[in-house]
C-alpha atoms as a PDB file:
ATOM      1  CA  MET A   1       1.831  -5.285  -3.485  1.00  0.00           C
ATOM      2  CA  ASP A   2       1.538  -4.228  -7.095  1.00  0.00           C
ATOM      3  CA  VAL A   3      -1.057  -1.538  -7.684  1.00  0.00           C
ATOM      4  CA  SER A   4       0.312  -0.486 -11.052  1.00  0.00           C
ATOM      5  CA  GLY A   5      -2.304   0.567 -13.555  1.00  0.00           C
ATOM      6  CA  LEU A   6      -4.676   2.232 -11.133  1.00  0.00           C
ATOM      7  CA  ALA A   7      -3.283   5.699 -11.774  1.00  0.00           C
ATOM      8  CA  ALA A   8      -4.063   5.497 -15.457  1.00  0.00           C
ATOM      9  CA  ASN A   9      -7.361   3.576 -15.099  1.00  0.00           C
ATOM     10  CA  THR A  10      -7.298   2.881 -18.801  1.00  0.00           C
ATOM     11  CA  LEU A  11     -10.336   0.612 -18.619  1.00  0.00           C
ATOM     12  CA  ALA A  12     -12.645   3.306 -17.241  1.00  0.00           C
ATOM     13  CA  PRO A  13     -14.382   5.484 -19.830  1.00  0.00           C
ATOM     14  CA  VAL A  14     -14.232   9.242 -19.439  1.00  0.00           C
ATOM     15  CA  GLY A  15     -16.919  10.360 -16.995  1.00  0.00           C
ATOM     16  CA  ALA A  16     -17.306   6.966 -15.303  1.00  0.00           C
ATOM     17  CA  ARG A  17     -18.229   7.561 -11.662  1.00  0.00           C
ATOM     18  CA  LEU A  18     -17.887   5.607  -8.428  1.00  0.00           C
ATOM     19  CA  TRP A  19     -20.214   6.455  -5.527  1.00  0.00           C
ATOM     20  CA  LEU A  20     -18.636   5.649  -2.165  1.00  0.00           C
ATOM     21  CA  VAL A  21     -21.522   5.412   0.299  1.00  0.00           C
ATOM     22  CA  ARG A  22     -20.889   4.866   3.993  1.00  0.00           C
ATOM     23  CA  HIS A  23     -23.364   2.985   6.165  1.00  0.00           C
ATOM     24  CA  ALA A  24     -25.371   4.796   8.847  1.00  0.00           C
ATOM     25  CA  GLN A  25     -24.161   5.116  12.427  1.00  0.00           C
ATOM     26  CA  PRO A  26     -23.386   1.717  13.961  1.00  0.00           C
ATOM     27  CA  LEU A  27     -24.849   0.693  17.307  1.00  0.00           C
ATOM     28  CA  VAL A  28     -21.586   0.420  19.221  1.00  0.00           C
ATOM     29  CA  ALA A  29     -20.175   2.296  22.190  1.00  0.00           C
ATOM     30  CA  PRO A  30     -17.932   5.258  21.295  1.00  0.00           C
ATOM     31  CA  GLY A  31     -14.260   4.325  21.184  1.00  0.00           C
ATOM     32  CA  THR A  32     -14.899   0.686  20.221  1.00  0.00           C
ATOM     33  CA  CYS A  33     -12.777  -1.077  17.610  1.00  0.00           C
ATOM     34  CA  TYR A  34     -15.365  -2.784  15.447  1.00  0.00           C
ATOM     35  CA  GLY A  35     -13.854  -3.120  11.950  1.00  0.00           C
ATOM     36  CA  ALA A  36     -15.315  -6.261  10.393  1.00  0.00           C
ATOM     37  CA  LEU A  37     -17.423  -7.028  13.481  1.00  0.00           C
ATOM     38  CA  ASP A  38     -20.957  -7.478  12.171  1.00  0.00           C
ATOM     39  CA  VAL A  39     -22.656  -4.795  14.259  1.00  0.00           C
ATOM     40  CA  LYS A  40     -26.089  -3.362  13.521  1.00  0.00           C
ATOM     41  CA  ALA A  41     -26.675   0.189  12.309  1.00  0.00           C
ATOM     42  CA  ASP A  42     -29.265   2.625  13.575  1.00  0.00           C
ATOM     43  CA  VAL A  43     -32.451   1.711  11.712  1.00  0.00           C
ATOM     44  CA  GLU A  44     -33.924   5.210  11.532  1.00  0.00           C
ATOM     45  CA  ALA A  45     -30.622   6.771  10.436  1.00  0.00           C
ATOM     46  CA  THR A  46     -30.332   4.075   7.767  1.00  0.00           C
ATOM     47  CA  ARG A  47     -33.839   4.831   6.534  1.00  0.00           C
ATOM     48  CA  ARG A  48     -33.076   8.557   6.239  1.00  0.00           C
ATOM     49  CA  ALA A  49     -29.821   7.866   4.391  1.00  0.00           C
ATOM     50  CA  ALA A  50     -31.644   5.528   2.004  1.00  0.00           C
ATOM     51  CA  GLN A  51     -34.262   8.176   1.233  1.00  0.00           C
ATOM     52  CA  ARG A  52     -31.603  10.750   0.373  1.00  0.00           C
ATOM     53  CA  LEU A  53     -29.579   8.297  -1.670  1.00  0.00           C
ATOM     54  CA  ALA A  54     -32.563   6.884  -3.578  1.00  0.00           C
ATOM     55  CA  HIS A  55     -33.470  10.425  -4.605  1.00  0.00           C
ATOM     56  CA  VAL A  56     -30.115  11.157  -6.263  1.00  0.00           C
ATOM     57  CA  LEU A  57     -28.793   7.875  -7.655  1.00  0.00           C
ATOM     58  CA  PRO A  58     -29.017   7.739 -11.444  1.00  0.00           C
ATOM     59  CA  ALA A  59     -31.069   5.175 -13.291  1.00  0.00           C
ATOM     60  CA  GLN A  60     -29.201   2.017 -14.267  1.00  0.00           C
ATOM     61  CA  ALA A  61     -26.498   2.497 -11.625  1.00  0.00           C
ATOM     62  CA  ARG A  62     -24.854  -0.776 -10.638  1.00  0.00           C
ATOM     63  CA  VAL A  63     -24.963  -1.175  -6.862  1.00  0.00           C
ATOM     64  CA  PHE A  64     -22.773  -3.384  -4.656  1.00  0.00           C
ATOM     65  CA  HIS A  65     -22.621  -3.620  -0.881  1.00  0.00           C
ATOM     66  CA  SER A  66     -20.368  -4.922   1.845  1.00  0.00           C
ATOM     67  CA  THR A  67     -21.665  -8.154   3.324  1.00  0.00           C
ATOM     68  CA  LEU A  68     -21.715  -6.663   6.843  1.00  0.00           C
ATOM     69  CA  GLN A  69     -25.280  -6.034   7.973  1.00  0.00           C
ATOM     70  CA  ARG A  70     -24.862  -2.293   8.532  1.00  0.00           C
ATOM     71  CA  CYS A  71     -24.293  -1.957   4.780  1.00  0.00           C
ATOM     72  CA  GLU A  72     -26.755  -4.616   3.698  1.00  0.00           C
ATOM     73  CA  LEU A  73     -29.549  -2.847   5.592  1.00  0.00           C
ATOM     74  CA  LEU A  74     -28.892   0.385   3.705  1.00  0.00           C
ATOM     75  CA  ALA A  75     -28.746  -1.475   0.383  1.00  0.00           C
ATOM     76  CA  LEU A  76     -32.099  -3.132   1.082  1.00  0.00           C
ATOM     77  CA  ASP A  77     -33.705   0.153   2.120  1.00  0.00           C
ATOM     78  CA  VAL A  78     -32.498   1.822  -1.083  1.00  0.00           C
ATOM     79  CA  GLN A  79     -33.802  -1.080  -3.161  1.00  0.00           C
ATOM     80  CA  ALA A  80     -37.212  -0.840  -1.459  1.00  0.00           C
ATOM     81  CA  LEU A  81     -37.443   2.771  -2.651  1.00  0.00           C
ATOM     82  CA  ARG A  82     -35.758   2.159  -6.014  1.00  0.00           C
ATOM     83  CA  PRO A  83     -36.499  -1.373  -7.262  1.00  0.00           C
ATOM     84  CA  ASP A  84     -34.269  -0.679 -10.272  1.00  0.00           C
ATOM     85  CA  LEU A  85     -31.251  -0.535  -7.943  1.00  0.00           C
ATOM     86  CA  ALA A  86     -30.944  -4.114  -6.739  1.00  0.00           C
ATOM     87  CA  SER A  87     -27.619  -4.490  -4.928  1.00  0.00           C
ATOM     88  CA  LYS A  88     -25.151  -7.361  -5.037  1.00  0.00           C
ATOM     89  CA  PRO A  89     -22.990  -8.375  -2.050  1.00  0.00           C
ATOM     90  CA  ASP A  90     -19.226  -8.099  -2.426  1.00  0.00           C
ATOM     91  CA  THR A  91     -16.869  -9.264   0.329  1.00  0.00           C
ATOM     92  CA  ARG A  92     -14.125  -7.009  -1.064  1.00  0.00           C
ATOM     93  CA  LEU A  93     -16.085  -4.008   0.220  1.00  0.00           C
ATOM     94  CA  ARG A  94     -15.911  -5.072   3.882  1.00  0.00           C
ATOM     95  CA  GLU A  95     -14.181  -2.990   6.523  1.00  0.00           C
ATOM     96  CA  MET A  96     -10.714  -3.970   7.735  1.00  0.00           C
ATOM     97  CA  ASP A  97     -10.588  -7.045   9.965  1.00  0.00           C
ATOM     98  CA  PHE A  98      -8.940  -6.224  13.304  1.00  0.00           C
ATOM     99  CA  GLY A  99      -8.929  -9.813  14.542  1.00  0.00           C
ATOM    100  CA  ASN A 100      -9.135 -10.213  18.305  1.00  0.00           C
ATOM    101  CA  TRP A 101      -9.144  -6.451  18.834  1.00  0.00           C
ATOM    102  CA  GLU A 102     -12.707  -6.248  17.578  1.00  0.00           C
ATOM    103  CA  GLY A 103     -15.305  -5.448  20.190  1.00  0.00           C
ATOM    104  CA  SER A 104     -12.672  -4.019  22.530  1.00  0.00           C
ATOM    105  CA  SER A 105     -12.191  -0.348  23.277  1.00  0.00           C
ATOM    106  CA  TRP A 106      -9.147   1.304  21.750  1.00  0.00           C
ATOM    107  CA  ALA A 107      -8.137   2.259  25.290  1.00  0.00           C
ATOM    108  CA  ASP A 108      -8.127  -1.405  26.360  1.00  0.00           C
ATOM    109  CA  ILE A 109      -6.158  -2.438  23.273  1.00  0.00           C
ATOM    110  CA  GLY A 110      -3.511  -0.038  24.480  1.00  0.00           C
ATOM    111  CA  LYS A 111      -0.807   2.127  23.019  1.00  0.00           C
ATOM    112  CA  PRO A 112       1.958  -0.558  22.873  1.00  0.00           C
ATOM    113  CA  ALA A 113      -0.144  -2.809  20.634  1.00  0.00           C
ATOM    114  CA  ILE A 114      -1.199   0.096  18.434  1.00  0.00           C
ATOM    115  CA  ASP A 115       2.424   1.296  18.193  1.00  0.00           C
ATOM    116  CA  THR A 116       3.501  -2.179  17.057  1.00  0.00           C
ATOM    117  CA  TRP A 117       0.942  -1.965  14.272  1.00  0.00           C
ATOM    118  CA  THR A 118       1.831   1.543  13.148  1.00  0.00           C
ATOM    119  CA  ALA A 119       5.547   0.691  13.133  1.00  0.00           C
ATOM    120  CA  ALA A 120       4.793  -1.760  10.301  1.00  0.00           C
ATOM    121  CA  PHE A 121       1.605  -0.086   9.150  1.00  0.00           C
ATOM    122  CA  ALA A 122       1.140  -1.857   5.819  1.00  0.00           C
ATOM    123  CA  THR A 123       2.366  -5.329   6.763  1.00  0.00           C
ATOM    124  CA  HIS A 124       1.394  -5.949  10.403  1.00  0.00           C
ATOM    125  CA  ALA A 125      -2.007  -7.586  11.033  1.00  0.00           C
ATOM    126  CA  PRO A 126      -3.582  -5.728  13.975  1.00  0.00           C
ATOM    127  CA  GLY A 127      -5.116  -8.172  16.433  1.00  0.00           C
ATOM    128  CA  GLY A 128      -4.032 -11.007  14.137  1.00  0.00           C
ATOM    129  CA  GLY A 129      -6.615  -9.886  11.581  1.00  0.00           C
ATOM    130  CA  GLU A 130      -5.881  -8.327   8.197  1.00  0.00           C
ATOM    131  CA  THR A 131      -2.911  -6.320   6.997  1.00  0.00           C
ATOM    132  CA  LEU A 132      -3.456  -3.004   5.263  1.00  0.00           C
ATOM    133  CA  ASN A 133      -1.666  -4.414   2.212  1.00  0.00           C
ATOM    134  CA  ALA A 134      -4.236  -7.225   2.058  1.00  0.00           C
ATOM    135  CA  MET A 135      -7.111  -4.761   2.310  1.00  0.00           C
ATOM    136  CA  LEU A 136      -5.605  -2.548  -0.390  1.00  0.00           C
ATOM    137  CA  ALA A 137      -5.257  -5.593  -2.645  1.00  0.00           C
ATOM    138  CA  ARG A 138      -8.931  -6.549  -2.345  1.00  0.00           C
ATOM    139  CA  VAL A 139     -10.088  -2.951  -2.857  1.00  0.00           C
ATOM    140  CA  GLN A 140      -7.794  -2.748  -5.873  1.00  0.00           C
ATOM    141  CA  SER A 141      -9.474  -5.866  -7.252  1.00  0.00           C
ATOM    142  CA  ALA A 142     -12.907  -4.305  -6.731  1.00  0.00           C
ATOM    143  CA  LEU A 143     -11.784  -1.081  -8.430  1.00  0.00           C
ATOM    144  CA  GLN A 144     -10.537  -2.973 -11.447  1.00  0.00           C
ATOM    145  CA  ALA A 145     -13.837  -4.832 -11.638  1.00  0.00           C
ATOM    146  CA  ALA A 146     -15.698  -1.501 -11.493  1.00  0.00           C
ATOM    147  CA  GLN A 147     -13.570  -0.168 -14.347  1.00  0.00           C
ATOM    148  CA  GLN A 148     -14.307  -3.234 -16.440  1.00  0.00           C
ATOM    149  CA  LEU A 149     -18.017  -2.986 -15.674  1.00  0.00           C
ATOM    150  CA  CYS A 150     -18.101   0.667 -16.735  1.00  0.00           C
ATOM    151  CA  ALA A 151     -16.282  -0.175 -19.944  1.00  0.00           C
ATOM    152  CA  ALA A 152     -18.792  -2.942 -20.706  1.00  0.00           C
ATOM    153  CA  GLN A 153     -21.885  -0.960 -19.685  1.00  0.00           C
ATOM    154  CA  ALA A 154     -21.220   2.317 -21.508  1.00  0.00           C
ATOM    155  CA  GLY A 155     -20.055   4.217 -18.453  1.00  0.00           C
ATOM    156  CA  GLN A 156     -22.913   3.461 -16.044  1.00  0.00           C
ATOM    157  CA  ASP A 157     -22.220   4.651 -12.509  1.00  0.00           C
ATOM    158  CA  VAL A 158     -21.038   2.120  -9.943  1.00  0.00           C
ATOM    159  CA  VAL A 159     -22.227   2.441  -6.345  1.00  0.00           C
ATOM    160  CA  TRP A 160     -20.472   0.888  -3.352  1.00  0.00           C
ATOM    161  CA  ILE A 161     -22.326   0.809  -0.034  1.00  0.00           C
ATOM    162  CA  THR A 162     -19.345   0.310   2.195  1.00  0.00           C
ATOM    163  CA  HIS A 163     -17.138   1.646   5.003  1.00  0.00           C
ATOM    164  CA  ALA A 164     -14.783   4.505   5.813  1.00  0.00           C
ATOM    165  CA  GLY A 165     -11.745   2.234   5.527  1.00  0.00           C
ATOM    166  CA  VAL A 166     -12.665   1.201   1.985  1.00  0.00           C
ATOM    167  CA  ALA A 167     -13.169   4.856   0.992  1.00  0.00           C
ATOM    168  CA  ARG A 168      -9.698   5.660   2.347  1.00  0.00           C
ATOM    169  CA  CYS A 169      -8.227   2.743   0.396  1.00  0.00           C
ATOM    170  CA  VAL A 170      -9.765   4.107  -2.818  1.00  0.00           C
ATOM    171  CA  ASP A 171      -8.294   7.528  -2.019  1.00  0.00           C
ATOM    172  CA  TRP A 172      -4.847   6.012  -1.482  1.00  0.00           C
ATOM    173  CA  LEU A 173      -4.931   3.758  -4.535  1.00  0.00           C
ATOM    174  CA  GLN A 174      -6.040   6.524  -6.859  1.00  0.00           C
ATOM    175  CA  ALA A 175      -3.348   8.869  -5.548  1.00  0.00           C
ATOM    176  CA  HIS A 176      -0.510   6.286  -5.354  1.00  0.00           C
ATOM    177  CA  GLY A 177      -0.945   3.765  -8.119  1.00  0.00           C
ATOM    178  CA  ALA A 178       2.639   2.577  -8.383  1.00  0.00           C
ATOM    179  CA  GLY A 179       2.874   0.170  -5.438  1.00  0.00           C
ATOM    180  CA  MET A 180       3.947   2.595  -2.707  1.00  0.00           C
ATOM    181  CA  GLU A 181       3.212   1.286   0.796  1.00  0.00           C
ATOM    182  CA  PRO A 182       1.522   3.856   3.050  1.00  0.00           C
ATOM    183  CA  GLN A 183       2.986   5.140   6.289  1.00  0.00           C
ATOM    184  CA  PRO A 184       0.680   6.221   9.147  1.00  0.00           C
ATOM    185  CA  HIS A 185       1.284   9.935   8.565  1.00  0.00           C
ATOM    186  CA  GLN A 186       0.402   9.534   4.872  1.00  0.00           C
ATOM    187  CA  TRP A 187      -2.832   7.606   5.309  1.00  0.00           C
ATOM    188  CA  PRO A 188      -5.981   9.495   4.203  1.00  0.00           C
ATOM    189  CA  VAL A 189      -8.022  10.875   7.084  1.00  0.00           C
ATOM    190  CA  ALA A 190     -11.102  12.125   5.236  1.00  0.00           C
ATOM    191  CA  ALA A 191     -13.989   9.747   4.555  1.00  0.00           C
ATOM    192  CA  PRO A 192     -17.742  10.142   4.105  1.00  0.00           C
ATOM    193  CA  ALA A 193     -19.652  10.668   7.344  1.00  0.00           C
ATOM    194  CA  TRP A 194     -22.115   8.006   8.470  1.00  0.00           C
ATOM    195  CA  GLY A 195     -24.967   7.814   5.982  1.00  0.00           C
ATOM    196  CA  GLU A 196     -23.202  10.122   3.518  1.00  0.00           C
ATOM    197  CA  TRP A 197     -21.219   9.590   0.325  1.00  0.00           C
ATOM    198  CA  GLU A 198     -18.698  10.997  -2.083  1.00  0.00           C
ATOM    199  CA  ILE A 199     -18.593  10.627  -5.830  1.00  0.00           C
ATOM    200  CA  ARG A 200     -15.241   9.857  -7.423  1.00  0.00           C
ATOM    201  CA  SER A 201     -14.233   9.528 -11.018  1.00  0.00           C
ATOM    202  CA  LEU A 202     -12.930   6.084 -11.851  1.00  0.00           C
ATOM    203  CA  ASN A 203     -10.155   8.047 -13.516  1.00  0.00           C
ATOM    204  CA  GLY A 204      -9.014   9.187 -10.070  1.00  0.00           C
ATOM    205  CA  GLN A 205     -10.592  12.526  -9.135  1.00  0.00           C
ATOM    206  CA  THR A 206     -13.189  13.402  -6.510  1.00  0.00           C
ATOM    207  CA  VAL A 207     -16.287  14.731  -8.279  1.00  0.00           C
ATOM    208  CA  SER A 208     -18.381  15.729  -5.258  1.00  0.00           C
ATOM    209  CA  SER A 209     -19.280  14.733  -1.724  1.00  0.00           C
END
């Protein structure tokens, strides 16, 4: 996969910012693999996250959300509080698809299957779903679109209401923009907590969280 060009981010004006907002806590049992499974989020936790986010998002920010309902609910709650922040759905912001693993506990999936995935971390599709390379490619496409939008809109902030996996992909792509395939021990661990966010420069640095 070619991710050349992301390190330089030549399309993004200086000071252009990307808000990576994670949905509120999903209503699934602990230890469940849910990835792209369209599970609901806690309504009250979503409401609280929306109130905090609506208070700090700048005017004229361009907002996009994953099409999974746990993100759409947060986007709608923010828009109810800030009508100027209408959000657009973007399938590129969805969580990784784990195929037939989804809805199962990680314990039931089992170590042999997980080891098979991690042995070919970037190219194996866990559960027959999506490879990490494929996810990185779609997040790369969304990043490039955000850069172009900022260039066209005089540096307006871009907001993604999305998932931990997408935030980790942004971290990886901004740190390794030359096509390097990640290994399990290299993959970013940090991501915004449920209902929280981090602000990154579209030129590749974390601004705040």
